[in-house]
C-alpha atoms as a PDB file:
ATOM      1  CA  UNK A   1     111.744  11.299   4.648  1.00  0.00           C
ATOM      2  CA  UNK A   2     111.004  12.302   1.559  1.00  0.00           C
ATOM      3  CA  UNK A   3     109.371   9.419   0.313  1.00  0.00           C
ATOM      4  CA  UNK A   4     107.482   9.813   3.454  1.00  0.00           C
ATOM      5  CA  UNK A   5     106.295  12.865   2.223  1.00  0.00           C
ATOM      6  CA  UNK A   6     105.200  11.988  -1.092  1.00  0.00           C
ATOM      7  CA  UNK A   7     103.248   9.568  -0.041  1.00  0.00           C
ATOM      8  CA  UNK A   8     101.286  10.746   2.621  1.00  0.00           C
ATOM      9  CA  UNK A   9     100.712  14.033   0.046  1.00  0.00           C
ATOM     10  CA  UNK A  10      99.292  11.293  -2.374  1.00  0.00           C
ATOM     11  CA  UNK A  11      97.236   9.669  -0.091  1.00  0.00           C
ATOM     12  CA  UNK A  12      96.168  13.661   1.753  1.00  0.00           C
ATOM     13  CA  UNK A  13      95.022  13.698  -2.285  1.00  0.00           C
ATOM     14  CA  UNK A  14      93.429  10.504  -2.766  1.00  0.00           C
ATOM     15  CA  UNK A  15      91.058  11.215   0.313  1.00  0.00           C
ATOM     16  CA  UNK A  16      90.222  15.076  -1.014  1.00  0.00           C
ATOM     17  CA  UNK A  17      89.138  13.630  -4.342  1.00  0.00           C
ATOM     18  CA  UNK A  18      87.575  11.076  -3.548  1.00  0.00           C
ATOM     19  CA  UNK A  19      85.630  13.215  -0.788  1.00  0.00           C
ATOM     20  CA  UNK A  20      84.977  15.286  -3.338  1.00  0.00           C
ATOM     21  CA  UNK A  21      83.338  12.588  -5.385  1.00  0.00           C
ATOM     22  CA  UNK A  22      81.491  11.348  -2.469  1.00  0.00           C
ATOM     23  CA  UNK A  23      80.234  15.561  -2.454  1.00  0.00           C
ATOM     24  CA  UNK A  24      79.459  15.456  -5.591  1.00  0.00           C
ATOM     25  CA  UNK A  25      77.136  12.115  -5.575  1.00  0.00           C
ATOM     26  CA  UNK A  26      75.297  13.451  -2.700  1.00  0.00           C
ATOM     27  CA  UNK A  27      74.380  16.270  -4.495  1.00  0.00           C
ATOM     28  CA  UNK A  28      73.033  14.749  -6.892  1.00  0.00           C
ATOM     29  CA  UNK A  29      71.026  13.393  -4.732  1.00  0.00           C
ATOM     30  CA  UNK A  30      69.593  15.585  -3.747  1.00  0.00           C
ATOM     31  CA  UNK A  31      68.860  17.445  -6.856  1.00  0.00           C
ATOM     32  CA  UNK A  32      67.787  13.863  -8.244  1.00  0.00           C
ATOM     33  CA  UNK A  33      64.054  13.831  -9.016  1.00  0.00           C
ATOM     34  CA  UNK A  34      61.816  13.309  -6.246  1.00  0.00           C
ATOM     35  CA  UNK A  35      59.458  10.760  -5.512  1.00  0.00           C
ATOM     36  CA  UNK A  36      55.892  11.506  -7.583  1.00  0.00           C
ATOM     37  CA  UNK A  37      52.920  11.628  -4.289  1.00  0.00           C
ATOM     38  CA  UNK A  38      49.744   9.568  -4.787  1.00  0.00           C
ATOM     39  CA  UNK A  39      46.733  10.592  -6.413  1.00  0.00           C
ATOM     40  CA  UNK A  40      43.945  11.569  -4.109  1.00  0.00           C
ATOM     41  CA  UNK A  41      41.583   9.246  -4.273  1.00  0.00           C
ATOM     42  CA  UNK A  42      38.126   9.781  -6.603  1.00  0.00           C
ATOM     43  CA  UNK A  43      34.910  11.319  -4.886  1.00  0.00           C
ATOM     44  CA  UNK A  44      32.486   9.095  -3.667  1.00  0.00           C
ATOM     45  CA  UNK A  45      29.817   8.569  -6.075  1.00  0.00           C
ATOM     46  CA  UNK A  46      26.649  10.225  -6.298  1.00  0.00           C
ATOM     47  CA  UNK A  47      23.742   8.635  -4.373  1.00  0.00           C
ATOM     48  CA  UNK A  48      20.651   6.804  -6.126  1.00  0.00           C
ATOM     49  CA  UNK A  49      17.777   8.727  -7.474  1.00  0.00           C
ATOM     50  CA  UNK A  50      15.215   9.069  -5.148  1.00  0.00           C
ATOM     51  CA  UNK A  51      12.675   6.884  -6.171  1.00  0.00           C
ATOM     52  CA  UNK A  52       9.310   8.804  -5.783  1.00  0.00           C
ATOM     53  CA  UNK A  53       6.577   5.713  -4.930  1.00  0.00           C
ATOM     54  CA  UNK A  54       3.499   7.347  -6.591  1.00  0.00           C
ATOM     55  CA  UNK A  55       0.082   5.888  -4.727  1.00  0.00           C
ATOM     56  CA  UNK A  56      -3.395   5.244  -6.907  1.00  0.00           C
ATOM     57  CA  UNK A  57      -5.045   8.271  -7.693  1.00  0.00           C
ATOM     58  CA  UNK A  58      -8.200   7.997  -5.928  1.00  0.00           C
ATOM     59  CA  UNK A  59     -11.425   6.729  -6.617  1.00  0.00           C
ATOM     60  CA  UNK A  60     -14.408   7.249  -5.964  1.00  0.00           C
ATOM     61  CA  UNK A  61     -16.172   5.652  -3.120  1.00  0.00           C
ATOM     62  CA  UNK A  62     -19.225   2.488  -3.689  1.00  0.00           C
ATOM     63  CA  UNK A  63     -18.428   3.273  -7.829  1.00  0.00           C
ATOM     64  CA  UNK A  64     -20.192   6.045  -7.754  1.00  0.00           C
ATOM     65  CA  UNK A  65     -19.152   8.234 -10.929  1.00  0.00           C
ATOM     66  CA  UNK A  66     -16.390  11.211 -10.970  1.00  0.00           C
ATOM     67  CA  UNK A  67     -17.809  15.364 -10.446  1.00  0.00           C
ATOM     68  CA  UNK A  68     -20.675  13.938  -8.488  1.00  0.00           C
ATOM     69  CA  UNK A  69     -23.186  16.726  -6.702  1.00  0.00           C
ATOM     70  CA  UNK A  70     -23.007  16.412  -3.020  1.00  0.00           C
ATOM     71  CA  UNK A  71     -25.579  17.988  -1.273  1.00  0.00           C
ATOM     72  CA  UNK A  72     -24.676  20.652   0.941  1.00  0.00           C
ATOM     73  CA  UNK A  73     -25.381  20.923   5.106  1.00  0.00           C
ATOM     74  CA  UNK A  74     -26.647  23.669   5.752  1.00  0.00           C
ATOM     75  CA  UNK A  75     -25.953  26.156   8.361  1.00  0.00           C
ATOM     76  CA  UNK A  76     -28.307  24.047  11.045  1.00  0.00           C
ATOM     77  CA  UNK A  77     -26.015  21.297   9.845  1.00  0.00           C
ATOM     78  CA  UNK A  78     -29.197  19.404   7.956  1.00  0.00           C
ATOM     79  CA  UNK A  79     -27.986  18.112   4.415  1.00  0.00           C
ATOM     80  CA  UNK A  80     -29.876  19.433   1.612  1.00  0.00           C
ATOM     81  CA  UNK A  81     -31.564  16.479   0.340  1.00  0.00           C
ATOM     82  CA  UNK A  82     -35.596  15.506  -0.326  1.00  0.00           C
ATOM     83  CA  UNK A  83     -36.433  15.228   2.858  1.00  0.00           C
ATOM     84  CA  UNK A  84     -34.498  18.086   4.845  1.00  0.00           C
ATOM     85  CA  UNK A  85     -37.547  20.626   6.368  1.00  0.00           C
ATOM     86  CA  UNK A  86     -40.032  18.789   4.939  1.00  0.00           C
ATOM     87  CA  UNK A  87     -43.843  18.213   7.358  1.00  0.00           C
ATOM     88  CA  UNK A  88     -44.996  15.011   8.943  1.00  0.00           C
ATOM     89  CA  UNK A  89     -46.965  14.508   5.874  1.00  0.00           C
ATOM     90  CA  UNK A  90     -44.565  14.311   3.990  1.00  0.00           C
ATOM     91  CA  UNK A  91     -42.872  12.473   5.482  1.00  0.00           C
ATOM     92  CA  UNK A  92     -44.955   9.632   5.997  1.00  0.00           C
ATOM     93  CA  UNK A  93     -46.013  10.500   2.352  1.00  0.00           C
ATOM     94  CA  UNK A  94     -41.463   9.757   1.380  1.00  0.00           C
ATOM     95  CA  UNK A  95     -41.745   7.148   3.551  1.00  0.00           C
ATOM     96  CA  UNK A  96     -44.297   5.527   1.548  1.00  0.00           C
ATOM     97  CA  UNK A  97     -41.879   5.899  -1.509  1.00  0.00           C
ATOM     98  CA  UNK A  98     -38.874   4.570  -0.144  1.00  0.00           C
ATOM     99  CA  UNK A  99     -40.939   1.993   0.910  1.00  0.00           C
ATOM    100  CA  UNK A 100     -42.481   1.512  -2.478  1.00  0.00           C
ATOM    101  CA  UNK A 101     -38.594   1.456  -4.674  1.00  0.00           C
ATOM    102  CA  UNK A 102     -37.521  -1.076  -1.749  1.00  0.00           C
ATOM    103  CA  UNK A 103     -40.053  -3.053  -2.929  1.00  0.00           C
ATOM    104  CA  UNK A 104     -39.307  -2.498  -6.773  1.00  0.00           C
ATOM    105  CA  UNK A 105     -35.695  -3.068  -6.102  1.00  0.00           C
ATOM    106  CA  UNK A 106     -33.908  -4.954  -3.472  1.00  0.00           C
ATOM    107  CA  UNK A 107     -34.980  -8.029  -4.913  1.00  0.00           C
ATOM    108  CA  UNK A 108     -31.694 -10.661  -3.467  1.00  0.00           C
ATOM    109  CA  UNK A 109     -32.873 -13.746  -1.825  1.00  0.00           C
ATOM    110  CA  UNK A 110     -31.857 -12.145   1.516  1.00  0.00           C
ATOM    111  CA  UNK A 111     -34.284  -8.875   0.586  1.00  0.00           C
ATOM    112  CA  UNK A 112     -37.611 -11.229   0.151  1.00  0.00           C
ATOM    113  CA  UNK A 113     -39.271  -9.429   3.044  1.00  0.00           C
ATOM    114  CA  UNK A 114     -39.063  -6.163   1.514  1.00  0.00           C
ATOM    115  CA  UNK A 115     -42.301  -6.829  -0.712  1.00  0.00           C
ATOM    116  CA  UNK A 116     -44.296  -8.760   1.231  1.00  0.00           C
ATOM    117  CA  UNK A 117     -43.895  -6.868   4.130  1.00  0.00           C
ATOM    118  CA  UNK A 118     -44.802  -3.539   2.034  1.00  0.00           C
ATOM    119  CA  UNK A 119     -47.779  -4.883   0.563  1.00  0.00           C
ATOM    120  CA  UNK A 120     -49.280  -5.807   4.460  1.00  0.00           C
ATOM    121  CA  UNK A 121     -48.149  -2.180   4.877  1.00  0.00           C
ATOM    122  CA  UNK A 122     -50.733  -0.333   2.422  1.00  0.00           C
ATOM    123  CA  UNK A 123     -53.304  -2.391   3.602  1.00  0.00           C
ATOM    124  CA  UNK A 124     -53.113  -1.757   7.510  1.00  0.00           C
ATOM    125  CA  UNK A 125     -51.793   1.477   7.200  1.00  0.00           C
ATOM    126  CA  UNK A 126     -54.530   2.694   4.187  1.00  0.00           C
ATOM    127  CA  UNK A 127     -55.993   5.279   6.180  1.00  0.00           C
ATOM    128  CA  UNK A 128     -52.942   6.790   7.274  1.00  0.00           C
ATOM    129  CA  UNK A 129     -51.386   7.025   3.603  1.00  0.00           C
ATOM    130  CA  UNK A 130     -54.182   8.283   2.107  1.00  0.00           C
ATOM    131  CA  UNK A 131     -54.589  11.169   4.743  1.00  0.00           C
ATOM    132  CA  UNK A 132     -51.112  12.278   4.856  1.00  0.00           C
ATOM    133  CA  UNK A 133     -50.953  12.402   0.364  1.00  0.00           C
ATOM    134  CA  UNK A 134     -54.215  14.641   0.674  1.00  0.00           C
ATOM    135  CA  UNK A 135     -52.478  16.756   3.325  1.00  0.00           C
ATOM    136  CA  UNK A 136     -49.552  16.919   0.505  1.00  0.00           C
ATOM    137  CA  UNK A 137     -51.297  17.677  -2.461  1.00  0.00           C
ATOM    138  CA  UNK A 138     -53.171  20.988   0.346  1.00  0.00           C
ATOM    139  CA  UNK A 139     -48.705  22.805   0.772  1.00  0.00           C
ATOM    140  CA  UNK A 140     -48.109  21.796  -2.920  1.00  0.00           C
ATOM    141  CA  UNK A 141     -51.859  23.765  -3.996  1.00  0.00           C
ATOM    142  CA  UNK A 142     -51.330  26.755  -1.402  1.00  0.00           C
ATOM    143  CA  UNK A 143     -47.452  26.663  -2.127  1.00  0.00           C
ATOM    144  CA  UNK A 144     -47.921  27.179  -6.269  1.00  0.00           C
ATOM    145  CA  UNK A 145     -51.910  27.351  -6.831  1.00  0.00           C
ATOM    146  CA  UNK A 146     -53.928  25.808  -8.435  1.00  0.00           C
ATOM    147  CA  UNK A 147     -50.463  24.060 -10.832  1.00  0.00           C
ATOM    148  CA  UNK A 148     -49.097  21.948  -7.855  1.00  0.00           C
ATOM    149  CA  UNK A 149     -49.494  19.148  -9.604  1.00  0.00           C
ATOM    150  CA  UNK A 150     -46.691  19.147 -12.288  1.00  0.00           C
ATOM    151  CA  UNK A 151     -43.972  20.348  -9.081  1.00  0.00           C
ATOM    152  CA  UNK A 152     -45.277  17.987  -6.947  1.00  0.00           C
ATOM    153  CA  UNK A 153     -44.257  15.173  -9.689  1.00  0.00           C
ATOM    154  CA  UNK A 154     -40.970  16.666 -10.105  1.00  0.00           C
ATOM    155  CA  UNK A 155     -40.084  16.768  -6.528  1.00  0.00           C
ATOM    156  CA  UNK A 156     -41.780  12.826  -5.834  1.00  0.00           C
ATOM    157  CA  UNK A 157     -39.306  11.983  -8.625  1.00  0.00           C
ATOM    158  CA  UNK A 158     -36.005  12.871  -7.297  1.00  0.00           C
ATOM    159  CA  UNK A 159     -37.447  11.295  -4.232  1.00  0.00           C
ATOM    160  CA  UNK A 160     -37.668   8.128  -6.197  1.00  0.00           C
ATOM    161  CA  UNK A 161     -33.870   8.464  -7.672  1.00  0.00           C
ATOM    162  CA  UNK A 162     -33.229   9.632  -4.523  1.00  0.00           C
ATOM    163  CA  UNK A 163     -33.417   6.446  -2.854  1.00  0.00           C
ATOM    164  CA  UNK A 164     -32.965   4.188  -5.964  1.00  0.00           C
ATOM    165  CA  UNK A 165     -29.007   5.236  -6.701  1.00  0.00           C
ATOM    166  CA  UNK A 166     -27.604   2.704  -7.766  1.00  0.00           C
ATOM    167  CA  UNK A 167     -24.158   2.532  -5.977  1.00  0.00           C
ATOM    168  CA  UNK A 168     -26.012   2.856  -2.596  1.00  0.00           C
ATOM    169  CA  UNK A 169     -28.460   0.544  -3.159  1.00  0.00           C
ATOM    170  CA  UNK A 170     -27.457  -2.458  -1.050  1.00  0.00           C
ATOM    171  CA  UNK A 171     -27.323  -0.284   1.691  1.00  0.00           C
ATOM    172  CA  UNK A 172     -30.517   1.179   1.554  1.00  0.00           C
ATOM    173  CA  UNK A 173     -31.927  -2.171   0.823  1.00  0.00           C
ATOM    174  CA  UNK A 174     -30.206  -3.540   4.106  1.00  0.00           C
ATOM    175  CA  UNK A 175     -31.761  -0.814   6.092  1.00  0.00           C
ATOM    176  CA  UNK A 176     -34.866  -1.528   4.226  1.00  0.00           C
ATOM    177  CA  UNK A 177     -34.851  -4.924   5.320  1.00  0.00           C
ATOM    178  CA  UNK A 178     -34.797  -3.739   9.057  1.00  0.00           C
ATOM    179  CA  UNK A 179     -38.595  -1.813   8.491  1.00  0.00           C
ATOM    180  CA  UNK A 180     -39.908  -4.076   6.430  1.00  0.00           C
ATOM    181  CA  UNK A 181     -39.716  -6.292   9.488  1.00  0.00           C
ATOM    182  CA  UNK A 182     -41.087  -3.692  11.769  1.00  0.00           C
ATOM    183  CA  UNK A 183     -43.673  -2.293   9.665  1.00  0.00           C
ATOM    184  CA  UNK A 184     -45.517  -5.643  10.219  1.00  0.00           C
ATOM    185  CA  UNK A 185     -45.815  -4.237  14.331  1.00  0.00           C
ATOM    186  CA  UNK A 186     -46.912  -0.654  13.326  1.00  0.00           C
ATOM    187  CA  UNK A 187     -50.463   0.061  14.418  1.00  0.00           C
ATOM    188  CA  UNK A 188     -52.663   3.026  12.824  1.00  0.00           C
ATOM    189  CA  UNK A 189     -51.631   5.810  15.573  1.00  0.00           C
ATOM    190  CA  UNK A 190     -47.461   4.894  15.231  1.00  0.00           C
ATOM    191  CA  UNK A 191     -47.600   5.857  11.751  1.00  0.00           C
ATOM    192  CA  UNK A 192     -46.133   9.589  12.190  1.00  0.00           C
ATOM    193  CA  UNK A 193     -43.631   8.363  14.718  1.00  0.00           C
ATOM    194  CA  UNK A 194     -42.686   5.265  13.186  1.00  0.00           C
ATOM    195  CA  UNK A 195     -42.026   6.899   9.423  1.00  0.00           C
ATOM    196  CA  UNK A 196     -39.786  10.087  11.059  1.00  0.00           C
ATOM    197  CA  UNK A 197     -37.459   7.004  12.930  1.00  0.00           C
ATOM    198  CA  UNK A 198     -37.288   5.441   9.887  1.00  0.00           C
ATOM    199  CA  UNK A 199     -36.814   7.458   7.608  1.00  0.00           C
ATOM    200  CA  UNK A 200     -33.790   9.241   9.451  1.00  0.00           C
ATOM    201  CA  UNK A 201     -32.735   5.212   9.464  1.00  0.00           C
ATOM    202  CA  UNK A 202     -32.972   4.743   5.407  1.00  0.00           C
ATOM    203  CA  UNK A 203     -31.047   8.411   5.167  1.00  0.00           C
ATOM    204  CA  UNK A 204     -28.089   7.535   6.804  1.00  0.00           C
ATOM    205  CA  UNK A 205     -27.231   5.417   4.259  1.00  0.00           C
ATOM    206  CA  UNK A 206     -27.430   8.298   1.855  1.00  0.00           C
ATOM    207  CA  UNK A 207     -25.084  10.568   5.180  1.00  0.00           C
ATOM    208  CA  UNK A 208     -22.154   7.787   5.406  1.00  0.00           C
ATOM    209  CA  UNK A 209     -21.475   7.821   0.963  1.00  0.00           C
ATOM    210  CA  UNK A 210     -21.559  11.155   1.002  1.00  0.00           C
ATOM    211  CA  UNK A 211     -19.095  11.952   3.781  1.00  0.00           C
ATOM    212  CA  UNK A 212     -17.331   9.231   1.968  1.00  0.00           C
ATOM    213  CA  UNK A 213     -17.535  11.128  -1.005  1.00  0.00           C
ATOM    214  CA  UNK A 214     -16.503  14.354   0.291  1.00  0.00           C
ATOM    215  CA  UNK A 215     -13.708  12.584   1.863  1.00  0.00           C
ATOM    216  CA  UNK A 216     -12.824  10.585  -1.268  1.00  0.00           C
ATOM    217  CA  UNK A 217     -13.041  14.453  -3.406  1.00  0.00           C
ATOM    218  CA  UNK A 218     -10.603  15.747  -0.183  1.00  0.00           C
ATOM    219  CA  UNK A 219      -8.397  12.383  -1.123  1.00  0.00           C
ATOM    220  CA  UNK A 220      -8.774  13.625  -4.460  1.00  0.00           C
ATOM    221  CA  UNK A 221      -7.828  16.802  -4.270  1.00  0.00           C
ATOM    222  CA  UNK A 222      -4.671  16.585  -2.349  1.00  0.00           C
ATOM    223  CA  UNK A 223      -2.942  13.400  -4.668  1.00  0.00           C
ATOM    224  CA  UNK A 224      -3.611  16.021  -7.938  1.00  0.00           C
ATOM    225  CA  UNK A 225      -1.262  19.037  -6.134  1.00  0.00           C
ATOM    226  CA  UNK A 226       1.145  16.476  -5.250  1.00  0.00           C
ATOM    227  CA  UNK A 227       1.441  14.250  -8.404  1.00  0.00           C
ATOM    228  CA  UNK A 228      -0.098  15.809 -11.119  1.00  0.00           C
ATOM    229  CA  UNK A 229       1.702  17.138 -13.993  1.00  0.00           C
ATOM    230  CA  UNK A 230       0.778  21.171 -13.790  1.00  0.00           C
ATOM    231  CA  UNK A 231      -1.026  22.088 -17.438  1.00  0.00           C
ATOM    232  CA  UNK A 232       0.972  23.411 -20.128  1.00  0.00           C
ATOM    233  CA  UNK A 233       0.590  27.176 -20.447  1.00  0.00           C
ATOM    234  CA  UNK A 234      -1.753  27.898 -22.893  1.00  0.00           C
ATOM    235  CA  UNK A 235      -1.033  29.595 -26.026  1.00  0.00           C
ATOM    236  CA  UNK A 236      -2.311  33.018 -28.174  1.00  0.00           C
ATOM    237  CA  UNK A 237      -2.127  31.835 -31.932  1.00  0.00           C
ATOM    238  CA  UNK A 238      -1.063  35.447 -33.390  1.00  0.00           C
ATOM    239  CA  UNK A 239      -2.102  36.079 -37.410  1.00  0.00           C
ATOM    240  CA  UNK A 240       0.330  37.068 -39.904  1.00  0.00           C
ATOM    241  CA  UNK A 241       0.597  40.215 -40.960  1.00  0.00           C
ATOM    242  CA  UNK A 242      -1.617  40.705 -43.820  1.00  0.00           C
ATOM    243  CA  UNK A 243      -3.605  38.233 -42.760  1.00  0.00           C
END
């Protein structure tokens, strides 16, 4: 019996020791290094830079120069050109001047009828044109006195330059061709109405040009406000002491 008791005691101590070892290993395992958590994902790449597409700088229409002065439209809706508010006699004479410009400058084959029409117009309307010329002289003389010749010549120079403006010349010649073909059948008594009607028709060429130029000016101002860099601020030079 004593042997049995000793054997059981030994086994009990062995279990206790083994249990202690087991507990110790468990405790060690619990106190050991923990697994490192995975790092967070990298931030997304920045969006690509916005590409600003700058449209071409607006250019004047029909090859005109930049900074061109465009006659203004008055309160009555009439653009202040050489043909604004002129008399019947001046209308006839300005129409003759326009016809003269066309005969001298519209030299393309498609405009060949203009020169012949102009010569025929001068012949068929000789009396009416002379009467208009005399009336225009009287109007300038009334306004300027005895020195009326110079202002009249200056005004007529403006009229010729108005019709001979290079950017509008092609369209002017096309319109003058229409006028030339009509002029062949105009009777002497119809000169005033013919002149008034066709002067408006010829002026539409320039009115269309002026409107397109005004639109160009607006487009250019908008383009500059968006895409043209602001000018560098001006610097003021300061003299050094003793200078």
